[in-house]
Amino acid sequence: MAIKFDIKAFYDKRSVDYITKGVNVKKNEINISCPFCNSEGNPDPSYHLGVDPKTGFWSCWRSRKHHGKRLHRLIMKVGQVSYQEACTILGEFDAYLQEEHLMH
């Protein structure tokens, strides 16, 4: 499943440091310091969270809890935004509205 979201542009816009090559980087992935490890008091010194820009799958090499098949939770954490804002950033605002409508 290919996604249309440009994770590099998102990181660039928010001045998030990332790497595309190195010891902890899978081929074609983009890695950042894991914001989940960092917020849990276990600072990530070496870009352990990788995102596959084609699928949106992401995971941290240090903690199996820090992973996802969709970018929403990562966008919320990195951008410090709500789920609604993450949906908008990801170009899925209509999907968010439909989910909200179904909940009421």
C-alpha atoms as a PDB file:
ATOM      1  CA  MET A   1       0.000   0.000   0.000  1.00  0.00           C
ATOM      2  CA  ALA A   2       1.680   3.209  -1.145  1.00  0.00           C
ATOM      3  CA  ILE A   3       1.047   6.506   0.603  1.00  0.00           C
ATOM      4  CA  LYS A   4       1.136  10.005  -0.872  1.00  0.00           C
ATOM      5  CA  PHE A   5       2.584  11.762   2.189  1.00  0.00           C
ATOM      6  CA  ASP A   6       6.102  13.250   2.029  1.00  0.00           C
ATOM      7  CA  ILE A   7       7.615  12.496   5.439  1.00  0.00           C
ATOM      8  CA  LYS A   8      10.880  14.274   4.539  1.00  0.00           C
ATOM      9  CA  ALA A   9       8.990  17.493   3.753  1.00  0.00           C
ATOM     10  CA  PHE A  10       7.110  17.146   7.063  1.00  0.00           C
ATOM     11  CA  TYR A  11      10.400  16.775   8.963  1.00  0.00           C
ATOM     12  CA  ASP A  12      12.000  19.650   7.032  1.00  0.00           C
ATOM     13  CA  LYS A  13       9.078  21.972   7.757  1.00  0.00           C
ATOM     14  CA  ARG A  14       9.365  21.225  11.478  1.00  0.00           C
ATOM     15  CA  SER A  15      13.185  21.237  11.576  1.00  0.00           C
ATOM     16  CA  VAL A  16      13.331  17.575  12.638  1.00  0.00           C
ATOM     17  CA  ASP A  17      16.774  16.057  12.124  1.00  0.00           C
ATOM     18  CA  TYR A  18      16.749  12.807  10.155  1.00  0.00           C
ATOM     19  CA  ILE A  19      19.136  10.450   8.420  1.00  0.00           C
ATOM     20  CA  THR A  20      18.716   8.206   5.396  1.00  0.00           C
ATOM     21  CA  LYS A  21      21.868   6.121   5.791  1.00  0.00           C
ATOM     22  CA  GLY A  22      23.668   4.644   8.757  1.00  0.00           C
ATOM     23  CA  VAL A  23      23.921   1.722  11.148  1.00  0.00           C
ATOM     24  CA  ASN A  24      20.290   1.818  12.327  1.00  0.00           C
ATOM     25  CA  VAL A  25      18.707   2.715   8.976  1.00  0.00           C
ATOM     26  CA  LYS A  26      16.992   0.097   6.821  1.00  0.00           C
ATOM     27  CA  LYS A  27      17.364   0.559   3.089  1.00  0.00           C
ATOM     28  CA  ASN A  28      15.080   3.353   1.797  1.00  0.00           C
ATOM     29  CA  GLU A  29      13.909   4.358   5.289  1.00  0.00           C
ATOM     30  CA  ILE A  30      14.152   7.752   6.961  1.00  0.00           C
ATOM     31  CA  ASN A  31      15.174   7.731  10.616  1.00  0.00           C
ATOM     32  CA  ILE A  32      14.735  10.208  13.457  1.00  0.00           C
ATOM     33  CA  SER A  33      15.522  10.192  17.148  1.00  0.00           C
ATOM     34  CA  CYS A  34      12.547   8.299  18.621  1.00  0.00           C
ATOM     35  CA  PRO A  35      10.187  10.892  20.142  1.00  0.00           C
ATOM     36  CA  PHE A  36       8.455   8.180  22.181  1.00  0.00           C
ATOM     37  CA  CYS A  37      11.714   6.999  23.816  1.00  0.00           C
ATOM     38  CA  ASN A  38      12.669  10.633  24.387  1.00  0.00           C
ATOM     39  CA  SER A  39       9.385  11.474  26.130  1.00  0.00           C
ATOM     40  CA  GLU A  40       9.605   8.362  28.322  1.00  0.00           C
ATOM     41  CA  GLY A  41      12.869   9.547  29.867  1.00  0.00           C
ATOM     42  CA  ASN A  42      14.977   7.143  27.808  1.00  0.00           C
ATOM     43  CA  PRO A  43      16.622   9.539  25.322  1.00  0.00           C
ATOM     44  CA  ASP A  44      17.408   8.147  21.894  1.00  0.00           C
ATOM     45  CA  PRO A  45      20.925   9.283  21.009  1.00  0.00           C
ATOM     46  CA  SER A  46      21.047   7.724  17.564  1.00  0.00           C
ATOM     47  CA  TYR A  47      18.028   7.977  15.230  1.00  0.00           C
ATOM     48  CA  HIS A  48      16.415   4.639  16.075  1.00  0.00           C
ATOM     49  CA  LEU A  49      12.916   5.312  14.704  1.00  0.00           C
ATOM     50  CA  GLY A  50      12.616   4.514  11.002  1.00  0.00           C
ATOM     51  CA  VAL A  51       9.795   5.337   8.593  1.00  0.00           C
ATOM     52  CA  ASP A  52       9.247   3.611   5.290  1.00  0.00           C
ATOM     53  CA  PRO A  53       8.219   6.566   3.081  1.00  0.00           C
ATOM     54  CA  LYS A  54       6.383   4.303   0.623  1.00  0.00           C
ATOM     55  CA  THR A  55       4.131   2.469   3.108  1.00  0.00           C
ATOM     56  CA  GLY A  56       4.089   4.795   6.118  1.00  0.00           C
ATOM     57  CA  PHE A  57       5.069   1.904   8.405  1.00  0.00           C
ATOM     58  CA  TRP A  58       7.329   3.058  11.224  1.00  0.00           C
ATOM     59  CA  SER A  59       9.146   1.468  14.140  1.00  0.00           C
ATOM     60  CA  CYS A  60      11.830   2.050  16.729  1.00  0.00           C
ATOM     61  CA  TRP A  61      14.788  -0.307  16.970  1.00  0.00           C
ATOM     62  CA  ARG A  62      14.887   0.236  20.759  1.00  0.00           C
ATOM     63  CA  SER A  63      11.272  -0.382  21.793  1.00  0.00           C
ATOM     64  CA  ARG A  64       8.749  -2.726  20.210  1.00  0.00           C
ATOM     65  CA  LYS A  65       5.950  -0.521  21.643  1.00  0.00           C
ATOM     66  CA  HIS A  66       6.975   2.339  19.365  1.00  0.00           C
ATOM     67  CA  HIS A  67       5.623   1.291  15.972  1.00  0.00           C
ATOM     68  CA  GLY A  68       2.663   1.750  13.666  1.00  0.00           C
ATOM     69  CA  LYS A  69       1.247   0.944  10.265  1.00  0.00           C
ATOM     70  CA  ARG A  70      -0.206   4.439   9.851  1.00  0.00           C
ATOM     71  CA  LEU A  71       1.543   7.762  10.409  1.00  0.00           C
ATOM     72  CA  HIS A  72      -1.120   9.440  12.566  1.00  0.00           C
ATOM     73  CA  ARG A  73       0.338   8.689  16.010  1.00  0.00           C
ATOM     74  CA  LEU A  74       3.861   9.599  14.869  1.00  0.00           C
ATOM     75  CA  ILE A  75       2.670  12.866  13.290  1.00  0.00           C
ATOM     76  CA  MET A  76       0.777  13.694  16.495  1.00  0.00           C
ATOM     77  CA  LYS A  77       3.902  13.098  18.600  1.00  0.00           C
ATOM     78  CA  VAL A  78       6.452  14.806  16.349  1.00  0.00           C
ATOM     79  CA  GLY A  79       4.200  17.728  15.431  1.00  0.00           C
ATOM     80  CA  GLN A  80       2.573  17.984  18.877  1.00  0.00           C
ATOM     81  CA  VAL A  81      -0.832  18.120  17.206  1.00  0.00           C
ATOM     82  CA  SER A  82      -4.252  16.545  17.740  1.00  0.00           C
ATOM     83  CA  TYR A  83      -5.591  13.579  15.811  1.00  0.00           C
ATOM     84  CA  GLN A  84      -7.717  15.965  13.750  1.00  0.00           C
ATOM     85  CA  GLU A  85      -4.654  18.061  12.870  1.00  0.00           C
ATOM     86  CA  ALA A  86      -2.675  14.913  12.021  1.00  0.00           C
ATOM     87  CA  CYS A  87      -5.469  13.863   9.641  1.00  0.00           C
ATOM     88  CA  THR A  88      -5.348  17.291   8.002  1.00  0.00           C
ATOM     89  CA  ILE A  89      -1.541  17.156   7.689  1.00  0.00           C
ATOM     90  CA  LEU A  90      -1.849  13.705   6.113  1.00  0.00           C
ATOM     91  CA  GLY A  91      -4.500  14.955   3.683  1.00  0.00           C
ATOM     92  CA  GLU A  92      -7.226  12.821   5.286  1.00  0.00           C
ATOM     93  CA  PHE A  93      -9.470  15.485   6.754  1.00  0.00           C
ATOM     94  CA  ASP A  94     -12.567  13.975   5.115  1.00  0.00           C
ATOM     95  CA  ALA A  95     -11.812  10.602   6.721  1.00  0.00           C
ATOM     96  CA  TYR A  96     -11.579  12.278  10.116  1.00  0.00           C
ATOM     97  CA  LEU A  97     -14.954  13.952   9.648  1.00  0.00           C
ATOM     98  CA  GLN A  98     -16.538  10.669   8.611  1.00  0.00           C
ATOM     99  CA  GLU A  99     -15.107   8.934  11.708  1.00  0.00           C
ATOM    100  CA  GLU A 100     -16.426  11.718  13.956  1.00  0.00           C
ATOM    101  CA  HIS A 101     -19.836  11.526  12.284  1.00  0.00           C
ATOM    102  CA  LEU A 102     -20.032   7.760  12.866  1.00  0.00           C
ATOM    103  CA  MET A 103     -19.177   8.192  16.568  1.00  0.00           C
ATOM    104  CA  HIS A 104     -22.189  10.446  17.276  1.00  0.00           C
END
